[in-house]
Structure formats: structure tokens, C-alpha cells
């Protein structure tokens, strides 16, 4: 028994080389995920960590777990995270905003507690756990067949409970993301609400250049009585220095003096002098 345990505990040269190549990649990806300021970069660092772990599982005679790690977690879940991040467009400045009061303190406390649990578990595994290998488990038809037999016999209830939780989470996401479009007002209801005084004015805001002498956005619109509609000019343009728009306002309002009707052209004046 001890000889078998010692035989299993031996690490081959290829396995050692693979570990020292993949372990720094996994650790570097984990650190990059934590310290990256961009959410998309953080997700890509996590993808690198998951790929390294998947290859390490395969080296440790667990091909099913390795393929699940790569196909399900890296290929499906992380790609879903990336699509959501790109669609939502989370900016790097949003990640530093503290939404919940004291969340950084609680995160630090929980992180230290989780680190303590991991260190104690790894220390227990290095000192008290005796390696037995996977040769006996993989002998009855292979790794995949043994895992399938264990899931649907010894761990059937936890497996079905996990599937029920996933279905419940999917239904909850559908309910939270559903928007009732039946409560949206029709065009007739919106018009009635305008005339009932629920809006600032019954008609839409006039566009720039309507009944005006030019089609520039800086030219205010004219109302039917000839007065200027102040709502037709953007607030940004209204903030411009008044001297820059004074000439346009005078031109549209008609307050600027026009040419003299009795004035003669230059050519006619010269002919009269002759």
C-alpha cells in the first residue's frame, strides 16, 4: 500500500515542466484579472487562467474536467461575459465607483477570510492527504464513463438540485429583464395628455430655421405673429456671447434698418452727374 502511494506521489519530468510553465501563466492571469482597470481586459486575463487550469487538469489524468473547464467555462461563460461587457459598454471609471457603502471593507474582510481557508486547505492537502491517483477510478471504462456513473447514481440529487437552481436563475433573469409594452401611450393618448396640461406646451418644439430667413441652427424660428420662438434655439447656442448673434437676431426680427428705397445705384448716379 505504501509502495503504491509512493509510486503515485512521484512526479514525472514532463509533468513538472508543464506545471512550472502553466502555473505562472495561471497566477499571472489571476493577478491581471484583479488589478486590470478595464473590465474587458480583466475578463481576458481570467480566460488565460481558465485555459491554464484546463491543461493542468488534463495532465493530471482528468481529461473530462479539463475539457469542461475549457469548453464550458472559457468557451461559453467567459464569452458571454465579454459580449455583455461590450454591449453594455462599461467604462473603466465605473469600476472605481463605490455603489454600496463600505463594500471595499467587506470585500477586503471576505477576501482575507477566503485566502485563509485556501491556505489551510492546501496545507492540509500537503501534509495529511495521501495521494491515490486516478488509475482505479479510470479503469472501469474511462474517466468520462466513471464520472457519468457517479453523477447519476451517488450524486443524482445534488446534480438535479443544481439544474433546478440554474433553471430558476434563468427564469428570474427573464422576469427581471421583461418590460411590459402594453402600458406605452399611443399617439392619441399622448396628444390628449398634451392638451390636458401634462406637458409644457401642447405642440412639439419648433425646429430651427422655420419661417426664418436662413436654415442655420443659430437662427431662431418665427411664430405666426412674427415674434421669435426662444425654444427653437439650443441652450448651447443661447450661451454664446450675445454680440455674436445680435446681428442675426436683428435681421430676423426686422429691427435692422434696410436700404433706402430712394437711393440710386452707383451707375445711375454717375449718369445723372454727366
C-alpha atoms as a PDB file:
ATOM      1  CA  UNK A   1       0.000   0.000   0.000  1.00  0.00           C
ATOM      2  CA  UNK A   2       2.780   2.405   0.917  1.00  0.00           C
ATOM      3  CA  UNK A   3       4.715   1.417  -2.201  1.00  0.00           C
ATOM      4  CA  UNK A   4       1.679   2.198  -4.350  1.00  0.00           C
ATOM      5  CA  UNK A   5       1.252   5.554  -2.640  1.00  0.00           C
ATOM      6  CA  UNK A   6       4.909   6.394  -3.165  1.00  0.00           C
ATOM      7  CA  UNK A   7       4.638   5.377  -6.807  1.00  0.00           C
ATOM      8  CA  UNK A   8       1.659   7.677  -7.316  1.00  0.00           C
ATOM      9  CA  UNK A   9       3.334  10.545  -5.469  1.00  0.00           C
ATOM     10  CA  UNK A  10       6.243  10.575  -7.925  1.00  0.00           C
ATOM     11  CA  UNK A  11       6.100  13.433 -10.412  1.00  0.00           C
ATOM     12  CA  UNK A  12       7.484  12.843 -13.875  1.00  0.00           C
ATOM     13  CA  UNK A  13       9.778  15.294 -15.611  1.00  0.00           C
ATOM     14  CA  UNK A  14       7.185  16.246 -18.239  1.00  0.00           C
ATOM     15  CA  UNK A  15       4.556  16.845 -15.580  1.00  0.00           C
ATOM     16  CA  UNK A  16       6.957  19.060 -13.600  1.00  0.00           C
ATOM     17  CA  UNK A  17       7.870  21.081 -16.693  1.00  0.00           C
ATOM     18  CA  UNK A  18       4.202  21.531 -17.603  1.00  0.00           C
ATOM     19  CA  UNK A  19       3.407  22.685 -14.078  1.00  0.00           C
ATOM     20  CA  UNK A  20       6.191  25.279 -13.970  1.00  0.00           C
ATOM     21  CA  UNK A  21       5.093  26.615 -17.366  1.00  0.00           C
ATOM     22  CA  UNK A  22       1.332  26.708 -16.709  1.00  0.00           C
ATOM     23  CA  UNK A  23       1.352  27.727 -13.036  1.00  0.00           C
ATOM     24  CA  UNK A  24       2.977  31.167 -13.643  1.00  0.00           C
ATOM     25  CA  UNK A  25       0.533  31.772 -16.509  1.00  0.00           C
ATOM     26  CA  UNK A  26      -2.453  30.926 -14.306  1.00  0.00           C
ATOM     27  CA  UNK A  27      -1.142  33.042 -11.432  1.00  0.00           C
ATOM     28  CA  UNK A  28      -0.303  35.960 -13.728  1.00  0.00           C
ATOM     29  CA  UNK A  29      -3.783  35.816 -15.280  1.00  0.00           C
ATOM     30  CA  UNK A  30      -5.398  35.819 -11.837  1.00  0.00           C
ATOM     31  CA  UNK A  31      -3.361  38.845 -10.749  1.00  0.00           C
ATOM     32  CA  UNK A  32      -4.096  40.607 -14.035  1.00  0.00           C
ATOM     33  CA  UNK A  33      -7.815  39.962 -13.562  1.00  0.00           C
ATOM     34  CA  UNK A  34      -7.704  41.635 -10.142  1.00  0.00           C
ATOM     35  CA  UNK A  35      -5.561  44.642 -10.984  1.00  0.00           C
ATOM     36  CA  UNK A  36      -6.755  45.401 -14.534  1.00  0.00           C
ATOM     37  CA  UNK A  37      -8.622  48.710 -14.747  1.00  0.00           C
ATOM     38  CA  UNK A  38     -10.552  47.743 -17.867  1.00  0.00           C
ATOM     39  CA  UNK A  39     -13.328  45.170 -17.370  1.00  0.00           C
ATOM     40  CA  UNK A  40     -12.740  43.579 -20.787  1.00  0.00           C
ATOM     41  CA  UNK A  41      -9.031  43.132 -20.058  1.00  0.00           C
ATOM     42  CA  UNK A  42      -9.921  41.610 -16.687  1.00  0.00           C
ATOM     43  CA  UNK A  43     -12.184  39.053 -18.394  1.00  0.00           C
ATOM     44  CA  UNK A  44      -9.447  38.163 -20.899  1.00  0.00           C
ATOM     45  CA  UNK A  45      -6.960  37.598 -18.072  1.00  0.00           C
ATOM     46  CA  UNK A  46      -9.488  35.245 -16.465  1.00  0.00           C
ATOM     47  CA  UNK A  47      -9.754  33.353 -19.769  1.00  0.00           C
ATOM     48  CA  UNK A  48      -5.989  32.816 -19.705  1.00  0.00           C
ATOM     49  CA  UNK A  49      -6.206  31.457 -16.155  1.00  0.00           C
ATOM     50  CA  UNK A  50      -9.013  29.050 -17.059  1.00  0.00           C
ATOM     51  CA  UNK A  51      -7.149  27.762 -20.105  1.00  0.00           C
ATOM     52  CA  UNK A  52      -4.062  27.063 -17.993  1.00  0.00           C
ATOM     53  CA  UNK A  53      -6.149  25.222 -15.399  1.00  0.00           C
ATOM     54  CA  UNK A  54      -7.841  23.139 -18.094  1.00  0.00           C
ATOM     55  CA  UNK A  55      -4.493  21.960 -19.476  1.00  0.00           C
ATOM     56  CA  UNK A  56      -3.279  21.160 -15.960  1.00  0.00           C
ATOM     57  CA  UNK A  57      -6.386  19.010 -15.345  1.00  0.00           C
ATOM     58  CA  UNK A  58      -5.622  17.038 -18.496  1.00  0.00           C
ATOM     59  CA  UNK A  59      -2.050  16.461 -17.381  1.00  0.00           C
ATOM     60  CA  UNK A  60      -3.359  15.158 -14.039  1.00  0.00           C
ATOM     61  CA  UNK A  61      -5.315  12.344 -15.803  1.00  0.00           C
ATOM     62  CA  UNK A  62      -8.652  14.194 -15.674  1.00  0.00           C
ATOM     63  CA  UNK A  63      -9.483  14.859 -19.359  1.00  0.00           C
ATOM     64  CA  UNK A  64     -13.220  15.308 -18.799  1.00  0.00           C
ATOM     65  CA  UNK A  65     -12.669  18.025 -16.188  1.00  0.00           C
ATOM     66  CA  UNK A  66     -10.105  19.705 -18.433  1.00  0.00           C
ATOM     67  CA  UNK A  67     -12.422  19.788 -21.461  1.00  0.00           C
ATOM     68  CA  UNK A  68     -15.303  21.054 -19.323  1.00  0.00           C
ATOM     69  CA  UNK A  69     -13.048  23.796 -17.978  1.00  0.00           C
ATOM     70  CA  UNK A  70     -12.091  24.897 -21.493  1.00  0.00           C
ATOM     71  CA  UNK A  71     -15.363  24.371 -23.391  1.00  0.00           C
ATOM     72  CA  UNK A  72     -17.937  25.389 -20.773  1.00  0.00           C
ATOM     73  CA  UNK A  73     -16.181  28.000 -18.658  1.00  0.00           C
ATOM     74  CA  UNK A  74     -13.774  29.514 -21.182  1.00  0.00           C
ATOM     75  CA  UNK A  75     -15.740  28.965 -24.370  1.00  0.00           C
ATOM     76  CA  UNK A  76     -19.264  29.732 -23.141  1.00  0.00           C
ATOM     77  CA  UNK A  77     -19.433  31.592 -19.849  1.00  0.00           C
ATOM     78  CA  UNK A  78     -16.461  33.906 -20.368  1.00  0.00           C
ATOM     79  CA  UNK A  79     -17.504  34.705 -23.945  1.00  0.00           C
ATOM     80  CA  UNK A  80     -20.940  35.568 -22.577  1.00  0.00           C
ATOM     81  CA  UNK A  81     -19.296  37.919 -20.072  1.00  0.00           C
ATOM     82  CA  UNK A  82     -17.328  39.581 -22.876  1.00  0.00           C
ATOM     83  CA  UNK A  83     -20.433  40.037 -25.039  1.00  0.00           C
ATOM     84  CA  UNK A  84     -22.333  41.591 -22.130  1.00  0.00           C
ATOM     85  CA  UNK A  85     -19.442  43.932 -21.319  1.00  0.00           C
ATOM     86  CA  UNK A  86     -19.144  45.053 -24.928  1.00  0.00           C
ATOM     87  CA  UNK A  87     -22.893  45.546 -25.341  1.00  0.00           C
ATOM     88  CA  UNK A  88     -23.377  47.398 -22.071  1.00  0.00           C
ATOM     89  CA  UNK A  89     -20.210  49.411 -22.620  1.00  0.00           C
ATOM     90  CA  UNK A  90     -18.914  49.540 -19.071  1.00  0.00           C
ATOM     91  CA  UNK A  91     -16.330  52.282 -18.776  1.00  0.00           C
ATOM     92  CA  UNK A  92     -13.200  51.932 -16.691  1.00  0.00           C
ATOM     93  CA  UNK A  93     -14.353  54.818 -14.490  1.00  0.00           C
ATOM     94  CA  UNK A  94     -17.444  52.901 -13.403  1.00  0.00           C
ATOM     95  CA  UNK A  95     -15.400  50.201 -11.685  1.00  0.00           C
ATOM     96  CA  UNK A  96     -13.960  52.632  -9.112  1.00  0.00           C
ATOM     97  CA  UNK A  97     -17.340  53.981  -8.028  1.00  0.00           C
ATOM     98  CA  UNK A  98     -18.395  52.596  -4.642  1.00  0.00           C
ATOM     99  CA  UNK A  99     -22.068  51.780  -5.154  1.00  0.00           C
ATOM    100  CA  UNK A 100     -22.634  50.207  -1.715  1.00  0.00           C
ATOM    101  CA  UNK A 101     -21.353  51.939   1.393  1.00  0.00           C
ATOM    102  CA  UNK A 102     -18.428  50.060   2.919  1.00  0.00           C
ATOM    103  CA  UNK A 103     -18.224  47.496   0.122  1.00  0.00           C
ATOM    104  CA  UNK A 104     -14.441  47.758  -0.105  1.00  0.00           C
ATOM    105  CA  UNK A 105     -14.019  46.995   3.599  1.00  0.00           C
ATOM    106  CA  UNK A 106     -16.349  43.996   3.402  1.00  0.00           C
ATOM    107  CA  UNK A 107     -14.594  42.811   0.244  1.00  0.00           C
ATOM    108  CA  UNK A 108     -11.217  43.013   1.980  1.00  0.00           C
ATOM    109  CA  UNK A 109     -12.507  41.090   5.036  1.00  0.00           C
ATOM    110  CA  UNK A 110     -14.118  38.375   2.925  1.00  0.00           C
ATOM    111  CA  UNK A 111     -11.024  38.158   0.713  1.00  0.00           C
ATOM    112  CA  UNK A 112      -8.752  37.658   3.706  1.00  0.00           C
ATOM    113  CA  UNK A 113     -11.114  35.001   5.089  1.00  0.00           C
ATOM    114  CA  UNK A 114     -11.216  33.163   1.753  1.00  0.00           C
ATOM    115  CA  UNK A 115      -7.421  33.322   1.492  1.00  0.00           C
ATOM    116  CA  UNK A 116      -7.151  31.806   4.983  1.00  0.00           C
ATOM    117  CA  UNK A 117      -9.461  28.947   4.012  1.00  0.00           C
ATOM    118  CA  UNK A 118      -7.499  28.249   0.843  1.00  0.00           C
ATOM    119  CA  UNK A 119      -4.157  28.283   2.647  1.00  0.00           C
ATOM    120  CA  UNK A 120      -5.438  25.933   5.355  1.00  0.00           C
ATOM    121  CA  UNK A 121      -6.902  23.564   2.749  1.00  0.00           C
ATOM    122  CA  UNK A 122      -3.703  23.465   0.697  1.00  0.00           C
ATOM    123  CA  UNK A 123      -1.606  22.947   3.838  1.00  0.00           C
ATOM    124  CA  UNK A 124      -3.860  20.073   4.915  1.00  0.00           C
ATOM    125  CA  UNK A 125      -3.558  18.514   1.456  1.00  0.00           C
ATOM    126  CA  UNK A 126       0.249  18.726   1.501  1.00  0.00           C
ATOM    127  CA  UNK A 127       0.671  17.247   4.977  1.00  0.00           C
ATOM    128  CA  UNK A 128      -2.206  14.854   5.722  1.00  0.00           C
ATOM    129  CA  UNK A 129      -3.769  13.768   2.435  1.00  0.00           C
ATOM    130  CA  UNK A 130      -2.307  10.645   0.849  1.00  0.00           C
ATOM    131  CA  UNK A 131      -2.338  10.660  -2.994  1.00  0.00           C
ATOM    132  CA  UNK A 132      -4.022   7.627  -4.530  1.00  0.00           C
ATOM    133  CA  UNK A 133      -4.164   8.615  -8.210  1.00  0.00           C
ATOM    134  CA  UNK A 134      -6.973   8.071 -10.694  1.00  0.00           C
ATOM    135  CA  UNK A 135      -5.956   4.729 -12.145  1.00  0.00           C
ATOM    136  CA  UNK A 136      -8.585   2.805 -10.182  1.00  0.00           C
ATOM    137  CA  UNK A 137     -11.357   5.287 -10.992  1.00  0.00           C
ATOM    138  CA  UNK A 138     -10.493   5.381 -14.695  1.00  0.00           C
ATOM    139  CA  UNK A 139     -10.200   1.596 -15.027  1.00  0.00           C
ATOM    140  CA  UNK A 140     -13.920   0.871 -15.435  1.00  0.00           C
ATOM    141  CA  UNK A 141     -14.490   2.356 -18.880  1.00  0.00           C
ATOM    142  CA  UNK A 142     -12.514   5.586 -18.711  1.00  0.00           C
ATOM    143  CA  UNK A 143     -12.681   8.912 -16.975  1.00  0.00           C
ATOM    144  CA  UNK A 144     -15.868  10.137 -18.635  1.00  0.00           C
ATOM    145  CA  UNK A 145     -17.804   6.921 -18.012  1.00  0.00           C
ATOM    146  CA  UNK A 146     -16.785   6.879 -14.341  1.00  0.00           C
ATOM    147  CA  UNK A 147     -17.855  10.489 -13.829  1.00  0.00           C
ATOM    148  CA  UNK A 148     -21.194   9.881 -15.558  1.00  0.00           C
ATOM    149  CA  UNK A 149     -21.843   6.816 -13.398  1.00  0.00           C
ATOM    150  CA  UNK A 150     -21.055   8.749 -10.212  1.00  0.00           C
ATOM    151  CA  UNK A 151     -23.255  11.707 -11.194  1.00  0.00           C
ATOM    152  CA  UNK A 152     -26.337   9.631 -11.996  1.00  0.00           C
ATOM    153  CA  UNK A 153     -26.002   7.221  -9.059  1.00  0.00           C
ATOM    154  CA  UNK A 154     -24.283   8.598  -5.961  1.00  0.00           C
ATOM    155  CA  UNK A 155     -24.707  12.316  -6.733  1.00  0.00           C
ATOM    156  CA  UNK A 156     -28.046  12.300  -8.537  1.00  0.00           C
ATOM    157  CA  UNK A 157     -29.877  14.547  -6.040  1.00  0.00           C
ATOM    158  CA  UNK A 158     -27.175  17.298  -5.922  1.00  0.00           C
ATOM    159  CA  UNK A 159     -26.968  17.193  -9.722  1.00  0.00           C
ATOM    160  CA  UNK A 160     -30.736  17.657 -10.166  1.00  0.00           C
ATOM    161  CA  UNK A 161     -30.789  20.319  -7.448  1.00  0.00           C
ATOM    162  CA  UNK A 162     -28.092  22.257  -9.301  1.00  0.00           C
ATOM    163  CA  UNK A 163     -30.058  22.035 -12.562  1.00  0.00           C
ATOM    164  CA  UNK A 164     -33.200  23.288 -10.771  1.00  0.00           C
ATOM    165  CA  UNK A 165     -31.250  26.259  -9.385  1.00  0.00           C
ATOM    166  CA  UNK A 166     -29.923  27.108 -12.843  1.00  0.00           C
ATOM    167  CA  UNK A 167     -33.437  26.984 -14.341  1.00  0.00           C
ATOM    168  CA  UNK A 168     -34.731  29.201 -11.528  1.00  0.00           C
ATOM    169  CA  UNK A 169     -31.933  31.710 -12.166  1.00  0.00           C
ATOM    170  CA  UNK A 170     -32.745  31.753 -15.891  1.00  0.00           C
ATOM    171  CA  UNK A 171     -36.449  32.364 -15.204  1.00  0.00           C
ATOM    172  CA  UNK A 172     -35.565  35.125 -12.727  1.00  0.00           C
ATOM    173  CA  UNK A 173     -33.379  36.835 -15.330  1.00  0.00           C
ATOM    174  CA  UNK A 174     -36.228  36.656 -17.852  1.00  0.00           C
ATOM    175  CA  UNK A 175     -38.689  38.160 -15.362  1.00  0.00           C
ATOM    176  CA  UNK A 176     -36.316  40.970 -14.377  1.00  0.00           C
ATOM    177  CA  UNK A 177     -35.485  41.776 -17.993  1.00  0.00           C
ATOM    178  CA  UNK A 178     -39.112  41.750 -19.184  1.00  0.00           C
ATOM    179  CA  UNK A 179     -40.667  45.125 -19.947  1.00  0.00           C
ATOM    180  CA  UNK A 180     -44.413  45.498 -20.356  1.00  0.00           C
ATOM    181  CA  UNK A 181     -45.011  47.297 -23.653  1.00  0.00           C
ATOM    182  CA  UNK A 182     -48.787  47.360 -23.242  1.00  0.00           C
ATOM    183  CA  UNK A 183     -48.562  50.377 -20.877  1.00  0.00           C
ATOM    184  CA  UNK A 184     -46.903  52.556 -23.523  1.00  0.00           C
ATOM    185  CA  UNK A 185     -49.049  55.506 -24.569  1.00  0.00           C
ATOM    186  CA  UNK A 186     -50.440  55.694 -28.068  1.00  0.00           C
ATOM    187  CA  UNK A 187     -50.124  58.806 -30.214  1.00  0.00           C
ATOM    188  CA  UNK A 188     -53.729  59.789 -29.460  1.00  0.00           C
ATOM    189  CA  UNK A 189     -53.213  59.433 -25.697  1.00  0.00           C
ATOM    190  CA  UNK A 190     -50.034  61.500 -25.867  1.00  0.00           C
ATOM    191  CA  UNK A 191     -51.845  64.278 -27.783  1.00  0.00           C
ATOM    192  CA  UNK A 192     -54.693  64.291 -25.244  1.00  0.00           C
ATOM    193  CA  UNK A 193     -52.174  64.493 -22.384  1.00  0.00           C
ATOM    194  CA  UNK A 194     -50.516  67.499 -24.024  1.00  0.00           C
ATOM    195  CA  UNK A 195     -53.797  69.409 -24.209  1.00  0.00           C
ATOM    196  CA  UNK A 196     -54.670  68.460 -20.619  1.00  0.00           C
ATOM    197  CA  UNK A 197     -51.589  70.364 -19.489  1.00  0.00           C
ATOM    198  CA  UNK A 198     -49.409  67.376 -18.577  1.00  0.00           C
ATOM    199  CA  UNK A 199     -46.639  68.778 -20.776  1.00  0.00           C
ATOM    200  CA  UNK A 200     -45.052  72.215 -21.001  1.00  0.00           C
ATOM    201  CA  UNK A 201     -46.742  73.027 -24.300  1.00  0.00           C
ATOM    202  CA  UNK A 202     -49.354  71.250 -26.434  1.00  0.00           C
ATOM    203  CA  UNK A 203     -47.289  71.297 -29.603  1.00  0.00           C
ATOM    204  CA  UNK A 204     -43.776  69.987 -30.204  1.00  0.00           C
ATOM    205  CA  UNK A 205     -40.844  72.358 -30.014  1.00  0.00           C
ATOM    206  CA  UNK A 206     -40.289  74.318 -33.251  1.00  0.00           C
ATOM    207  CA  UNK A 207     -37.283  73.378 -35.290  1.00  0.00           C
ATOM    208  CA  UNK A 208     -34.515  75.840 -36.148  1.00  0.00           C
ATOM    209  CA  UNK A 209     -34.954  77.871 -39.303  1.00  0.00           C
ATOM    210  CA  UNK A 210     -38.753  77.507 -39.503  1.00  0.00           C
ATOM    211  CA  UNK A 211     -40.272  80.648 -41.048  1.00  0.00           C
ATOM    212  CA  UNK A 212     -36.803  82.204 -40.816  1.00  0.00           C
ATOM    213  CA  UNK A 213     -34.562  83.866 -43.364  1.00  0.00           C
ATOM    214  CA  UNK A 214     -31.871  81.150 -43.083  1.00  0.00           C
ATOM    215  CA  UNK A 215     -31.616  77.442 -42.262  1.00  0.00           C
ATOM    216  CA  UNK A 216     -28.819  77.760 -39.686  1.00  0.00           C
ATOM    217  CA  UNK A 217     -29.351  76.264 -36.232  1.00  0.00           C
ATOM    218  CA  UNK A 218     -28.307  79.623 -34.793  1.00  0.00           C
ATOM    219  CA  UNK A 219     -31.234  81.403 -36.470  1.00  0.00           C
ATOM    220  CA  UNK A 220     -34.308  81.349 -34.211  1.00  0.00           C
ATOM    221  CA  UNK A 221     -37.694  80.381 -35.605  1.00  0.00           C
ATOM    222  CA  UNK A 222     -40.522  82.848 -36.036  1.00  0.00           C
ATOM    223  CA  UNK A 223     -44.013  82.374 -34.677  1.00  0.00           C
ATOM    224  CA  UNK A 224     -47.075  83.176 -36.849  1.00  0.00           C
ATOM    225  CA  UNK A 225     -47.284  86.657 -35.315  1.00  0.00           C
ATOM    226  CA  UNK A 226     -43.701  87.421 -36.351  1.00  0.00           C
ATOM    227  CA  UNK A 227     -42.152  87.149 -32.883  1.00  0.00           C
ATOM    228  CA  UNK A 228     -39.122  84.997 -32.106  1.00  0.00           C
ATOM    229  CA  UNK A 229     -39.596  81.484 -30.627  1.00  0.00           C
ATOM    230  CA  UNK A 230     -36.860  81.186 -27.951  1.00  0.00           C
ATOM    231  CA  UNK A 231     -37.336  77.405 -27.637  1.00  0.00           C
ATOM    232  CA  UNK A 232     -36.130  76.861 -31.204  1.00  0.00           C
ATOM    233  CA  UNK A 233     -32.504  77.706 -30.410  1.00  0.00           C
ATOM    234  CA  UNK A 234     -30.368  75.249 -28.441  1.00  0.00           C
ATOM    235  CA  UNK A 235     -29.272  76.214 -24.950  1.00  0.00           C
ATOM    236  CA  UNK A 236     -25.633  75.839 -26.040  1.00  0.00           C
ATOM    237  CA  UNK A 237     -26.134  78.395 -28.796  1.00  0.00           C
ATOM    238  CA  UNK A 238     -28.006  80.661 -26.411  1.00  0.00           C
ATOM    239  CA  UNK A 239     -24.991  80.604 -24.110  1.00  0.00           C
ATOM    240  CA  UNK A 240     -22.864  82.133 -26.872  1.00  0.00           C
ATOM    241  CA  UNK A 241     -21.950  85.780 -26.448  1.00  0.00           C
ATOM    242  CA  UNK A 242     -24.904  87.945 -27.404  1.00  0.00           C
ATOM    243  CA  UNK A 243     -22.773  90.209 -29.577  1.00  0.00           C
ATOM    244  CA  UNK A 244     -22.060  87.294 -31.911  1.00  0.00           C
ATOM    245  CA  UNK A 245     -25.759  86.712 -32.570  1.00  0.00           C
ATOM    246  CA  UNK A 246     -27.005  90.260 -32.232  1.00  0.00           C
ATOM    247  CA  UNK A 247     -26.863  90.890 -35.971  1.00  0.00           C
ATOM    248  CA  UNK A 248     -28.788  87.693 -36.750  1.00  0.00           C
ATOM    249  CA  UNK A 249     -31.459  88.488 -34.168  1.00  0.00           C
ATOM    250  CA  UNK A 250     -31.915  91.991 -35.552  1.00  0.00           C
ATOM    251  CA  UNK A 251     -32.120  90.626 -39.087  1.00  0.00           C
ATOM    252  CA  UNK A 252     -34.763  88.042 -38.202  1.00  0.00           C
ATOM    253  CA  UNK A 253     -36.786  90.420 -36.012  1.00  0.00           C
ATOM    254  CA  UNK A 254     -36.750  93.093 -38.728  1.00  0.00           C
ATOM    255  CA  UNK A 255     -35.338  95.757 -36.410  1.00  0.00           C
ATOM    256  CA  UNK A 256     -32.254  96.334 -38.545  1.00  0.00           C
ATOM    257  CA  UNK A 257     -32.676  99.355 -40.882  1.00  0.00           C
ATOM    258  CA  UNK A 258     -32.974  98.372 -44.524  1.00  0.00           C
ATOM    259  CA  UNK A 259     -31.686 100.152 -47.627  1.00  0.00           C
ATOM    260  CA  UNK A 260     -33.203 103.440 -48.653  1.00  0.00           C
ATOM    261  CA  UNK A 261     -35.798 102.975 -51.358  1.00  0.00           C
ATOM    262  CA  UNK A 262     -34.870 106.350 -52.961  1.00  0.00           C
ATOM    263  CA  UNK A 263     -31.161 105.526 -53.116  1.00  0.00           C
ATOM    264  CA  UNK A 264     -29.834 105.219 -56.639  1.00  0.00           C
ATOM    265  CA  UNK A 265     -27.281 102.805 -57.912  1.00  0.00           C
ATOM    266  CA  UNK A 266     -23.733 103.880 -58.452  1.00  0.00           C
ATOM    267  CA  UNK A 267     -24.031 103.687 -62.223  1.00  0.00           C
ATOM    268  CA  UNK A 268     -27.236 105.762 -62.281  1.00  0.00           C
ATOM    269  CA  UNK A 269     -25.656 108.438 -60.099  1.00  0.00           C
ATOM    270  CA  UNK A 270     -22.706 108.816 -62.412  1.00  0.00           C
ATOM    271  CA  UNK A 271     -25.011 109.102 -65.431  1.00  0.00           C
ATOM    272  CA  UNK A 272     -27.053 111.809 -63.677  1.00  0.00           C
ATOM    273  CA  UNK A 273     -23.911 113.769 -62.898  1.00  0.00           C
ATOM    274  CA  UNK A 274     -22.949 113.689 -66.540  1.00  0.00           C
END
